[in-house]
């Protein structure tokens, strides 16, 4: 399956911004980036007109809203700010078993 993201303002982080560019993704991998990218006949087309397209931008910060109030901040994972990536948080850490 192929996907073409077209008409976007593409930030490659390796060169100049590509205005009105396209990104072709085939089998889960980016295979082409530029202004003259041609999609296969059966490709899904995503129109990114008026939008920015950024590579690999994943928001790894999490607000799970799990606050354990009995022991104070030690048991609170509601707004974990001690690491840039908080995907490792465990739900059990915010549960009061009493």
PDB file of N, CA and C in Angstrom:
ATOM      1  N   UNK A   1       0.839  -1.182   0.000  1.00  0.00           N
ATOM      2  CA  UNK A   1       0.000   0.000   0.000  1.00  0.00           C
ATOM      3  C   UNK A   1       0.878   1.237   0.000  1.00  0.00           C
ATOM      4  N   UNK A   2       0.537   2.190  -0.806  1.00  0.00           N
ATOM      5  CA  UNK A   2       1.289   3.440  -0.897  1.00  0.00           C
ATOM      6  C   UNK A   2       0.413   4.601  -0.448  1.00  0.00           C
ATOM      7  N   UNK A   3       1.056   5.591   0.138  1.00  0.00           N
ATOM      8  CA  UNK A   3       0.381   6.814   0.564  1.00  0.00           C
ATOM      9  C   UNK A   3       1.177   8.003   0.055  1.00  0.00           C
ATOM     10  N   UNK A   4       0.483   8.979  -0.511  1.00  0.00           N
ATOM     11  CA  UNK A   4       1.123  10.212  -0.958  1.00  0.00           C
ATOM     12  C   UNK A   4       0.551  11.373  -0.155  1.00  0.00           C
ATOM     13  N   UNK A   5       1.426  12.072   0.546  1.00  0.00           N
ATOM     14  CA  UNK A   5       1.051  13.314   1.224  1.00  0.00           C
ATOM     15  C   UNK A   5       1.476  14.428   0.279  1.00  0.00           C
ATOM     16  N   UNK A   6       0.512  15.212  -0.213  1.00  0.00           N
ATOM     17  CA  UNK A   6       0.846  16.194  -1.246  1.00  0.00           C
ATOM     18  C   UNK A   6       0.451  17.613  -0.840  1.00  0.00           C
ATOM     19  N   UNK A   7       1.078  18.577  -1.500  1.00  0.00           N
ATOM     20  CA  UNK A   7       0.781  20.001  -1.348  1.00  0.00           C
ATOM     21  C   UNK A   7       1.172  20.581   0.003  1.00  0.00           C
ATOM     22  N   UNK A   8       1.991  19.897   0.772  1.00  0.00           N
ATOM     23  CA  UNK A   8       2.366  20.398   2.090  1.00  0.00           C
ATOM     24  C   UNK A   8       3.619  21.254   2.074  1.00  0.00           C
ATOM     25  N   UNK A   9       3.822  21.957   3.164  1.00  0.00           N
ATOM     26  CA  UNK A   9       5.071  22.692   3.394  1.00  0.00           C
ATOM     27  C   UNK A   9       5.950  21.726   4.181  1.00  0.00           C
ATOM     28  N   UNK A  10       6.917  21.114   3.486  1.00  0.00           N
ATOM     29  CA  UNK A  10       7.678  19.998   4.051  1.00  0.00           C
ATOM     30  C   UNK A  10       8.996  20.477   4.646  1.00  0.00           C
ATOM     31  N   UNK A  11       9.183  20.158   5.916  1.00  0.00           N
ATOM     32  CA  UNK A  11      10.437  20.436   6.614  1.00  0.00           C
ATOM     33  C   UNK A  11      11.204  19.119   6.688  1.00  0.00           C
ATOM     34  N   UNK A  12      12.287  19.001   5.919  1.00  0.00           N
ATOM     35  CA  UNK A  12      13.040  17.743   5.895  1.00  0.00           C
ATOM     36  C   UNK A  12      14.088  17.673   6.989  1.00  0.00           C
ATOM     37  N   UNK A  13      14.448  18.791   7.574  1.00  0.00           N
ATOM     38  CA  UNK A  13      15.495  18.928   8.587  1.00  0.00           C
ATOM     39  C   UNK A  13      16.879  18.671   8.006  1.00  0.00           C
ATOM     40  N   UNK A  14      16.957  18.407   6.693  1.00  0.00           N
ATOM     41  CA  UNK A  14      18.249  18.158   6.047  1.00  0.00           C
ATOM     42  C   UNK A  14      18.528  19.150   4.927  1.00  0.00           C
ATOM     43  N   UNK A  15      17.644  20.089   4.730  1.00  0.00           N
ATOM     44  CA  UNK A  15      17.816  21.039   3.637  1.00  0.00           C
ATOM     45  C   UNK A  15      16.748  22.094   3.693  1.00  0.00           C
ATOM     46  N   UNK A  16      16.541  22.782   2.573  1.00  0.00           N
ATOM     47  CA  UNK A  16      15.535  23.847   2.570  1.00  0.00           C
ATOM     48  C   UNK A  16      14.112  23.293   2.677  1.00  0.00           C
ATOM     49  N   UNK A  17      13.208  24.150   3.120  1.00  0.00           N
ATOM     50  CA  UNK A  17      11.792  23.794   3.192  1.00  0.00           C
ATOM     51  C   UNK A  17      11.267  23.613   1.770  1.00  0.00           C
ATOM     52  N   UNK A  18      10.454  22.582   1.561  1.00  0.00           N
ATOM     53  CA  UNK A  18       9.877  22.303   0.245  1.00  0.00           C
ATOM     54  C   UNK A  18       8.426  22.780   0.259  1.00  0.00           C
ATOM     55  N   UNK A  19       8.171  23.887  -0.420  1.00  0.00           N
ATOM     56  CA  UNK A  19       6.809  24.431  -0.515  1.00  0.00           C
ATOM     57  C   UNK A  19       6.008  23.633  -1.542  1.00  0.00           C
ATOM     58  N   UNK A  20       4.793  23.273  -1.205  1.00  0.00           N
ATOM     59  CA  UNK A  20       3.945  22.534  -2.139  1.00  0.00           C
ATOM     60  C   UNK A  20       4.522  21.189  -2.514  1.00  0.00           C
ATOM     61  N   UNK A  21       5.203  20.563  -1.581  1.00  0.00           N
ATOM     62  CA  UNK A  21       5.875  19.297  -1.858  1.00  0.00           C
ATOM     63  C   UNK A  21       5.038  18.079  -1.539  1.00  0.00           C
ATOM     64  N   UNK A  22       5.601  16.932  -1.867  1.00  0.00           N
ATOM     65  CA  UNK A  22       4.936  15.652  -1.635  1.00  0.00           C
ATOM     66  C   UNK A  22       5.887  14.667  -0.980  1.00  0.00           C
ATOM     67  N   UNK A  23       5.301  13.740  -0.250  1.00  0.00           N
ATOM     68  CA  UNK A  23       6.052  12.647   0.375  1.00  0.00           C
ATOM     69  C   UNK A  23       5.356  11.351  -0.017  1.00  0.00           C
ATOM     70  N   UNK A  24       6.108  10.428  -0.581  1.00  0.00           N
ATOM     71  CA  UNK A  24       5.564   9.122  -0.946  1.00  0.00           C
ATOM     72  C   UNK A  24       6.027   8.099   0.077  1.00  0.00           C
ATOM     73  N   UNK A  25       5.065   7.374   0.641  1.00  0.00           N
ATOM     74  CA  UNK A  25       5.350   6.331   1.628  1.00  0.00           C
ATOM     75  C   UNK A  25       4.879   5.008   1.040  1.00  0.00           C
ATOM     76  N   UNK A  26       5.801   4.045   0.952  1.00  0.00           N
ATOM     77  CA  UNK A  26       5.470   2.723   0.425  1.00  0.00           C
ATOM     78  C   UNK A  26       5.919   1.667   1.417  1.00  0.00           C
ATOM     79  N   UNK A  27       5.002   0.773   1.766  1.00  0.00           N
ATOM     80  CA  UNK A  27       5.289  -0.301   2.724  1.00  0.00           C
ATOM     81  C   UNK A  27       5.871   0.238   4.024  1.00  0.00           C
ATOM     82  N   UNK A  28       5.325   1.367   4.492  1.00  0.00           N
ATOM     83  CA  UNK A  28       5.738   1.930   5.767  1.00  0.00           C
ATOM     84  C   UNK A  28       7.031   2.715   5.756  1.00  0.00           C
ATOM     85  N   UNK A  29       7.618   2.930   4.584  1.00  0.00           N
ATOM     86  CA  UNK A  29       8.883   3.667   4.490  1.00  0.00           C
ATOM     87  C   UNK A  29       8.753   4.819   3.505  1.00  0.00           C
ATOM     88  N   UNK A  30       9.401   5.937   3.843  1.00  0.00           N
ATOM     89  CA  UNK A  30       9.420   7.078   2.934  1.00  0.00           C
ATOM     90  C   UNK A  30      10.335   6.731   1.767  1.00  0.00           C
ATOM     91  N   UNK A  31       9.786   6.793   0.551  1.00  0.00           N
ATOM     92  CA  UNK A  31      10.575   6.438  -0.633  1.00  0.00           C
ATOM     93  C   UNK A  31      10.887   7.635  -1.524  1.00  0.00           C
ATOM     94  N   UNK A  32      10.164   8.736  -1.364  1.00  0.00           N
ATOM     95  CA  UNK A  32      10.440   9.921  -2.184  1.00  0.00           C
ATOM     96  C   UNK A  32       9.913  11.171  -1.494  1.00  0.00           C
ATOM     97  N   UNK A  33      10.676  12.263  -1.634  1.00  0.00           N
ATOM     98  CA  UNK A  33      10.279  13.571  -1.105  1.00  0.00           C
ATOM     99  C   UNK A  33      10.644  14.612  -2.149  1.00  0.00           C
ATOM    100  N   UNK A  34       9.740  15.511  -2.454  1.00  0.00           N
ATOM    101  CA  UNK A  34      10.045  16.568  -3.413  1.00  0.00           C
ATOM    102  C   UNK A  34       8.798  17.199  -3.990  1.00  0.00           C
ATOM    103  N   UNK A  35       8.987  17.994  -5.031  1.00  0.00           N
ATOM    104  CA  UNK A  35       7.853  18.661  -5.673  1.00  0.00           C
ATOM    105  C   UNK A  35       7.312  17.884  -6.870  1.00  0.00           C
ATOM    106  N   UNK A  36       8.063  16.949  -7.393  1.00  0.00           N
ATOM    107  CA  UNK A  36       7.644  16.210  -8.587  1.00  0.00           C
ATOM    108  C   UNK A  36       7.461  14.720  -8.305  1.00  0.00           C
ATOM    109  N   UNK A  37       6.965  14.376  -7.130  1.00  0.00           N
ATOM    110  CA  UNK A  37       6.787  12.972  -6.760  1.00  0.00           C
ATOM    111  C   UNK A  37       5.505  12.450  -7.405  1.00  0.00           C
ATOM    112  N   UNK A  38       5.603  11.295  -8.041  1.00  0.00           N
ATOM    113  CA  UNK A  38       4.457  10.669  -8.701  1.00  0.00           C
ATOM    114  C   UNK A  38       4.008   9.477  -7.867  1.00  0.00           C
ATOM    115  N   UNK A  39       2.722   9.415  -7.588  1.00  0.00           N
ATOM    116  CA  UNK A  39       2.172   8.331  -6.774  1.00  0.00           C
ATOM    117  C   UNK A  39       1.759   7.157  -7.644  1.00  0.00           C
ATOM    118  N   UNK A  40       1.858   5.935  -7.116  1.00  0.00           N
ATOM    119  CA  UNK A  40       1.316   4.779  -7.829  1.00  0.00           C
ATOM    120  C   UNK A  40      -0.201   4.937  -8.011  1.00  0.00           C
ATOM    121  N   UNK A  41      -0.760   4.226  -8.948  1.00  0.00           N
ATOM    122  CA  UNK A  41      -2.180   4.353  -9.288  1.00  0.00           C
ATOM    123  C   UNK A  41      -3.094   4.122  -8.089  1.00  0.00           C
ATOM    124  N   UNK A  42      -2.788   3.153  -7.242  1.00  0.00           N
ATOM    125  CA  UNK A  42      -3.683   2.791  -6.142  1.00  0.00           C
ATOM    126  C   UNK A  42      -3.331   3.474  -4.819  1.00  0.00           C
ATOM    127  N   UNK A  43      -2.523   4.512  -4.842  1.00  0.00           N
ATOM    128  CA  UNK A  43      -2.069   5.154  -3.604  1.00  0.00           C
ATOM    129  C   UNK A  43      -3.192   5.936  -2.929  1.00  0.00           C
ATOM    130  N   UNK A  44      -3.165   5.918  -1.601  1.00  0.00           N
ATOM    131  CA  UNK A  44      -4.042   6.794  -0.825  1.00  0.00           C
ATOM    132  C   UNK A  44      -3.445   8.197  -0.910  1.00  0.00           C
ATOM    133  N   UNK A  45      -4.262   9.194  -1.162  1.00  0.00           N
ATOM    134  CA  UNK A  45      -3.786  10.569  -1.306  1.00  0.00           C
ATOM    135  C   UNK A  45      -4.253  11.387  -0.104  1.00  0.00           C
ATOM    136  N   UNK A  46      -3.317  12.052   0.555  1.00  0.00           N
ATOM    137  CA  UNK A  46      -3.625  12.956   1.659  1.00  0.00           C
ATOM    138  C   UNK A  46      -3.232  14.359   1.221  1.00  0.00           C
ATOM    139  N   UNK A  47      -4.209  15.257   1.167  1.00  0.00           N
ATOM    140  CA  UNK A  47      -3.937  16.636   0.752  1.00  0.00           C
ATOM    141  C   UNK A  47      -3.539  17.453   1.977  1.00  0.00           C
ATOM    142  N   UNK A  48      -2.292  17.896   2.009  1.00  0.00           N
ATOM    143  CA  UNK A  48      -1.759  18.659   3.139  1.00  0.00           C
ATOM    144  C   UNK A  48      -1.677  20.147   2.823  1.00  0.00           C
ATOM    145  N   UNK A  49      -2.487  20.618   1.899  1.00  0.00           N
ATOM    146  CA  UNK A  49      -2.468  22.036   1.520  1.00  0.00           C
ATOM    147  C   UNK A  49      -2.714  22.908   2.745  1.00  0.00           C
ATOM    148  N   UNK A  50      -1.857  23.913   2.927  1.00  0.00           N
ATOM    149  CA  UNK A  50      -1.982  24.811   4.061  1.00  0.00           C
ATOM    150  C   UNK A  50      -1.455  24.251   5.363  1.00  0.00           C
ATOM    151  N   UNK A  51      -0.785  23.113   5.306  1.00  0.00           N
ATOM    152  CA  UNK A  51      -0.276  22.465   6.525  1.00  0.00           C
ATOM    153  C   UNK A  51       1.225  22.253   6.448  1.00  0.00           C
ATOM    154  N   UNK A  52       1.835  22.123   7.615  1.00  0.00           N
ATOM    155  CA  UNK A  52       3.258  21.791   7.700  1.00  0.00           C
ATOM    156  C   UNK A  52       3.389  20.287   7.856  1.00  0.00           C
ATOM    157  N   UNK A  53       4.406  19.708   7.247  1.00  0.00           N
ATOM    158  CA  UNK A  53       4.685  18.280   7.382  1.00  0.00           C
ATOM    159  C   UNK A  53       6.086  18.158   7.963  1.00  0.00           C
ATOM    160  N   UNK A  54       6.183  17.524   9.129  1.00  0.00           N
ATOM    161  CA  UNK A  54       7.449  17.388   9.846  1.00  0.00           C
ATOM    162  C   UNK A  54       7.812  15.918   9.981  1.00  0.00           C
ATOM    163  N   UNK A  55       9.084  15.557   9.836  1.00  0.00           N
ATOM    164  CA  UNK A  55       9.478  14.151   9.944  1.00  0.00           C
ATOM    165  C   UNK A  55       9.618  13.691  11.390  1.00  0.00           C
ATOM    166  N   UNK A  56       9.018  12.583  11.696  1.00  0.00           N
ATOM    167  CA  UNK A  56       9.249  11.920  12.971  1.00  0.00           C
ATOM    168  C   UNK A  56       8.918  12.710  14.212  1.00  0.00           C
ATOM    169  N   UNK A  57       8.023  13.649  14.124  1.00  0.00           N
ATOM    170  CA  UNK A  57       7.683  14.432  15.298  1.00  0.00           C
ATOM    171  C   UNK A  57       6.640  13.676  16.110  1.00  0.00           C
ATOM    172  N   UNK A  58       7.057  13.143  17.231  1.00  0.00           N
ATOM    173  CA  UNK A  58       6.166  12.390  18.101  1.00  0.00           C
ATOM    174  C   UNK A  58       6.127  13.095  19.441  1.00  0.00           C
ATOM    175  N   UNK A  59       4.957  13.414  19.931  1.00  0.00           N
ATOM    176  CA  UNK A  59       4.824  14.047  21.236  1.00  0.00           C
ATOM    177  C   UNK A  59       4.851  12.946  22.284  1.00  0.00           C
ATOM    178  N   UNK A  60       6.003  12.770  22.904  1.00  0.00           N
ATOM    179  CA  UNK A  60       6.172  11.690  23.875  1.00  0.00           C
ATOM    180  C   UNK A  60       5.812  12.123  25.286  1.00  0.00           C
ATOM    181  N   UNK A  61       5.443  13.381  25.478  1.00  0.00           N
ATOM    182  CA  UNK A  61       5.037  13.852  26.802  1.00  0.00           C
ATOM    183  C   UNK A  61       3.618  13.374  27.070  1.00  0.00           C
ATOM    184  N   UNK A  62       3.323  13.029  28.284  1.00  0.00           N
ATOM    185  CA  UNK A  62       2.027  12.450  28.593  1.00  0.00           C
ATOM    186  C   UNK A  62       1.400  13.115  29.813  1.00  0.00           C
ATOM    187  N   UNK A  63       0.109  13.351  29.757  1.00  0.00           N
ATOM    188  CA  UNK A  63      -0.678  13.805  30.904  1.00  0.00           C
ATOM    189  C   UNK A  63      -1.758  12.748  31.121  1.00  0.00           C
ATOM    190  N   UNK A  64      -1.458  11.734  31.896  1.00  0.00           N
ATOM    191  CA  UNK A  64      -2.413  10.655  32.092  1.00  0.00           C
ATOM    192  C   UNK A  64      -3.526  11.025  33.056  1.00  0.00           C
ATOM    193  N   UNK A  65      -3.307  12.046  33.872  1.00  0.00           N
ATOM    194  CA  UNK A  65      -4.323  12.452  34.829  1.00  0.00           C
ATOM    195  C   UNK A  65      -4.448  11.493  35.989  1.00  0.00           C
ATOM    196  N   UNK A  66      -3.381  10.778  36.293  1.00  0.00           N
ATOM    197  CA  UNK A  66      -3.393   9.817  37.387  1.00  0.00           C
ATOM    198  C   UNK A  66      -2.696  10.441  38.585  1.00  0.00           C
ATOM    199  N   UNK A  67      -3.487  10.914  39.539  1.00  0.00           N
ATOM    200  CA  UNK A  67      -2.922  11.574  40.709  1.00  0.00           C
ATOM    201  C   UNK A  67      -3.319  10.787  41.945  1.00  0.00           C
ATOM    202  N   UNK A  68      -2.343  10.300  42.660  1.00  0.00           N
ATOM    203  CA  UNK A  68      -2.569   9.565  43.908  1.00  0.00           C
ATOM    204  C   UNK A  68      -2.394  10.579  45.027  1.00  0.00           C
ATOM    205  N   UNK A  69      -3.460  10.938  45.722  1.00  0.00           N
ATOM    206  CA  UNK A  69      -3.425  12.058  46.660  1.00  0.00           C
ATOM    207  C   UNK A  69      -2.982  11.702  48.073  1.00  0.00           C
ATOM    208  N   UNK A  70      -3.023  10.466  48.481  1.00  0.00           N
ATOM    209  CA  UNK A  70      -2.741  10.115  49.874  1.00  0.00           C
ATOM    210  C   UNK A  70      -1.296  10.349  50.285  1.00  0.00           C
ATOM    211  N   UNK A  71      -0.344  10.125  49.383  1.00  0.00           N
ATOM    212  CA  UNK A  71       1.061  10.282  49.784  1.00  0.00           C
ATOM    213  C   UNK A  71       1.727  11.492  49.153  1.00  0.00           C
ATOM    214  N   UNK A  72       0.963  12.321  48.471  1.00  0.00           N
ATOM    215  CA  UNK A  72       1.522  13.545  47.908  1.00  0.00           C
ATOM    216  C   UNK A  72       2.169  13.349  46.555  1.00  0.00           C
ATOM    217  N   UNK A  73       3.125  14.207  46.265  1.00  0.00           N
ATOM    218  CA  UNK A  73       3.720  14.239  44.927  1.00  0.00           C
ATOM    219  C   UNK A  73       4.471  12.964  44.560  1.00  0.00           C
ATOM    220  N   UNK A  74       4.917  12.191  45.548  1.00  0.00           N
ATOM    221  CA  UNK A  74       5.644  10.951  45.249  1.00  0.00           C
ATOM    222  C   UNK A  74       4.788   9.952  44.476  1.00  0.00           C
ATOM    223  N   UNK A  75       3.477   9.994  44.667  1.00  0.00           N
ATOM    224  CA  UNK A  75       2.588   9.048  43.997  1.00  0.00           C
ATOM    225  C   UNK A  75       1.855   9.634  42.814  1.00  0.00           C
ATOM    226  N   UNK A  76       2.209  10.835  42.420  1.00  0.00           N
ATOM    227  CA  UNK A  76       1.487  11.513  41.349  1.00  0.00           C
ATOM    228  C   UNK A  76       2.201  11.371  40.008  1.00  0.00           C
ATOM    229  N   UNK A  77       1.503  10.845  39.022  1.00  0.00           N
ATOM    230  CA  UNK A  77       2.006  10.787  37.651  1.00  0.00           C
ATOM    231  C   UNK A  77       1.145  11.645  36.735  1.00  0.00           C
ATOM    232  N   UNK A  78       0.394  12.594  37.316  1.00  0.00           N
ATOM    233  CA  UNK A  78      -0.496  13.435  36.524  1.00  0.00           C
ATOM    234  C   UNK A  78       0.239  14.316  35.537  1.00  0.00           C
ATOM    235  N   UNK A  79       1.406  14.806  35.909  1.00  0.00           N
ATOM    236  CA  UNK A  79       2.194  15.656  35.022  1.00  0.00           C
ATOM    237  C   UNK A  79       3.659  15.343  35.258  1.00  0.00           C
ATOM    238  N   UNK A  80       4.102  14.229  34.759  1.00  0.00           N
ATOM    239  CA  UNK A  80       5.489  13.794  34.932  1.00  0.00           C
ATOM    240  C   UNK A  80       6.406  14.699  34.131  1.00  0.00           C
ATOM    241  N   UNK A  81       7.320  15.370  34.821  1.00  0.00           N
ATOM    242  CA  UNK A  81       8.196  16.322  34.137  1.00  0.00           C
ATOM    243  C   UNK A  81       9.667  16.012  34.363  1.00  0.00           C
ATOM    244  N   UNK A  82       9.977  14.813  34.819  1.00  0.00           N
ATOM    245  CA  UNK A  82      11.367  14.501  35.132  1.00  0.00           C
ATOM    246  C   UNK A  82      12.131  13.899  33.967  1.00  0.00           C
ATOM    247  N   UNK A  83      11.462  13.654  32.852  1.00  0.00           N
ATOM    248  CA  UNK A  83      12.140  13.072  31.691  1.00  0.00           C
ATOM    249  C   UNK A  83      11.508  13.636  30.419  1.00  0.00           C
ATOM    250  N   UNK A  84      12.293  13.776  29.354  1.00  0.00           N
ATOM    251  CA  UNK A  84      11.717  14.283  28.107  1.00  0.00           C
ATOM    252  C   UNK A  84      10.768  13.293  27.443  1.00  0.00           C
ATOM    253  N   UNK A  85      10.915  12.014  27.726  1.00  0.00           N
ATOM    254  CA  UNK A  85      10.043  10.986  27.178  1.00  0.00           C
ATOM    255  C   UNK A  85       9.431  10.244  28.344  1.00  0.00           C
ATOM    256  N   UNK A  86       8.116  10.365  28.520  1.00  0.00           N
ATOM    257  CA  UNK A  86       7.465   9.733  29.663  1.00  0.00           C
ATOM    258  C   UNK A  86       6.601   8.542  29.252  1.00  0.00           C
ATOM    259  N   UNK A  87       6.934   7.940  28.125  1.00  0.00           N
ATOM    260  CA  UNK A  87       6.150   6.796  27.660  1.00  0.00           C
ATOM    261  C   UNK A  87       6.299   5.581  28.565  1.00  0.00           C
ATOM    262  N   UNK A  88       7.302   5.589  29.447  1.00  0.00           N
ATOM    263  CA  UNK A  88       7.566   4.446  30.310  1.00  0.00           C
ATOM    264  C   UNK A  88       6.710   4.437  31.570  1.00  0.00           C
ATOM    265  N   UNK A  89       5.859   5.424  31.779  1.00  0.00           N
ATOM    266  CA  UNK A  89       5.080   5.487  33.012  1.00  0.00           C
ATOM    267  C   UNK A  89       4.167   4.278  33.137  1.00  0.00           C
ATOM    268  N   UNK A  90       3.992   3.824  34.369  1.00  0.00           N
ATOM    269  CA  UNK A  90       3.134   2.677  34.622  1.00  0.00           C
ATOM    270  C   UNK A  90       1.895   3.128  35.387  1.00  0.00           C
ATOM    271  N   UNK A  91       0.746   2.633  34.992  1.00  0.00           N
ATOM    272  CA  UNK A  91      -0.498   2.999  35.652  1.00  0.00           C
ATOM    273  C   UNK A  91      -0.536   2.608  37.113  1.00  0.00           C
ATOM    274  N   UNK A  92       0.080   1.501  37.454  1.00  0.00           N
ATOM    275  CA  UNK A  92       0.057   1.018  38.832  1.00  0.00           C
ATOM    276  C   UNK A  92       0.705   2.010  39.793  1.00  0.00           C
ATOM    277  N   UNK A  93       1.614   2.845  39.305  1.00  0.00           N
ATOM    278  CA  UNK A  93       2.290   3.809  40.169  1.00  0.00           C
ATOM    279  C   UNK A  93       1.350   4.891  40.685  1.00  0.00           C
ATOM    280  N   UNK A  94       0.224   5.100  40.047  1.00  0.00           N
ATOM    281  CA  UNK A  94      -0.706   6.139  40.468  1.00  0.00           C
ATOM    282  C   UNK A  94      -1.942   5.600  41.159  1.00  0.00           C
ATOM    283  N   UNK A  95      -1.929   4.344  41.581  1.00  0.00           N
ATOM    284  CA  UNK A  95      -3.104   3.736  42.199  1.00  0.00           C
ATOM    285  C   UNK A  95      -2.884   3.567  43.696  1.00  0.00           C
ATOM    286  N   UNK A  96      -3.860   4.015  44.468  1.00  0.00           N
ATOM    287  CA  UNK A  96      -3.831   3.829  45.919  1.00  0.00           C
ATOM    288  C   UNK A  96      -4.639   2.575  46.238  1.00  0.00           C
ATOM    289  N   UNK A  97      -4.009   1.513  46.711  1.00  0.00           N
ATOM    290  CA  UNK A  97      -4.725   0.257  46.952  1.00  0.00           C
ATOM    291  C   UNK A  97      -5.612   0.276  48.195  1.00  0.00           C
ATOM    292  N   UNK A  98      -5.583   1.349  48.970  1.00  0.00           N
ATOM    293  CA  UNK A  98      -6.375   1.386  50.211  1.00  0.00           C
ATOM    294  C   UNK A  98      -7.739   1.946  50.014  1.00  0.00           C
TER     295      UNK A  98
END
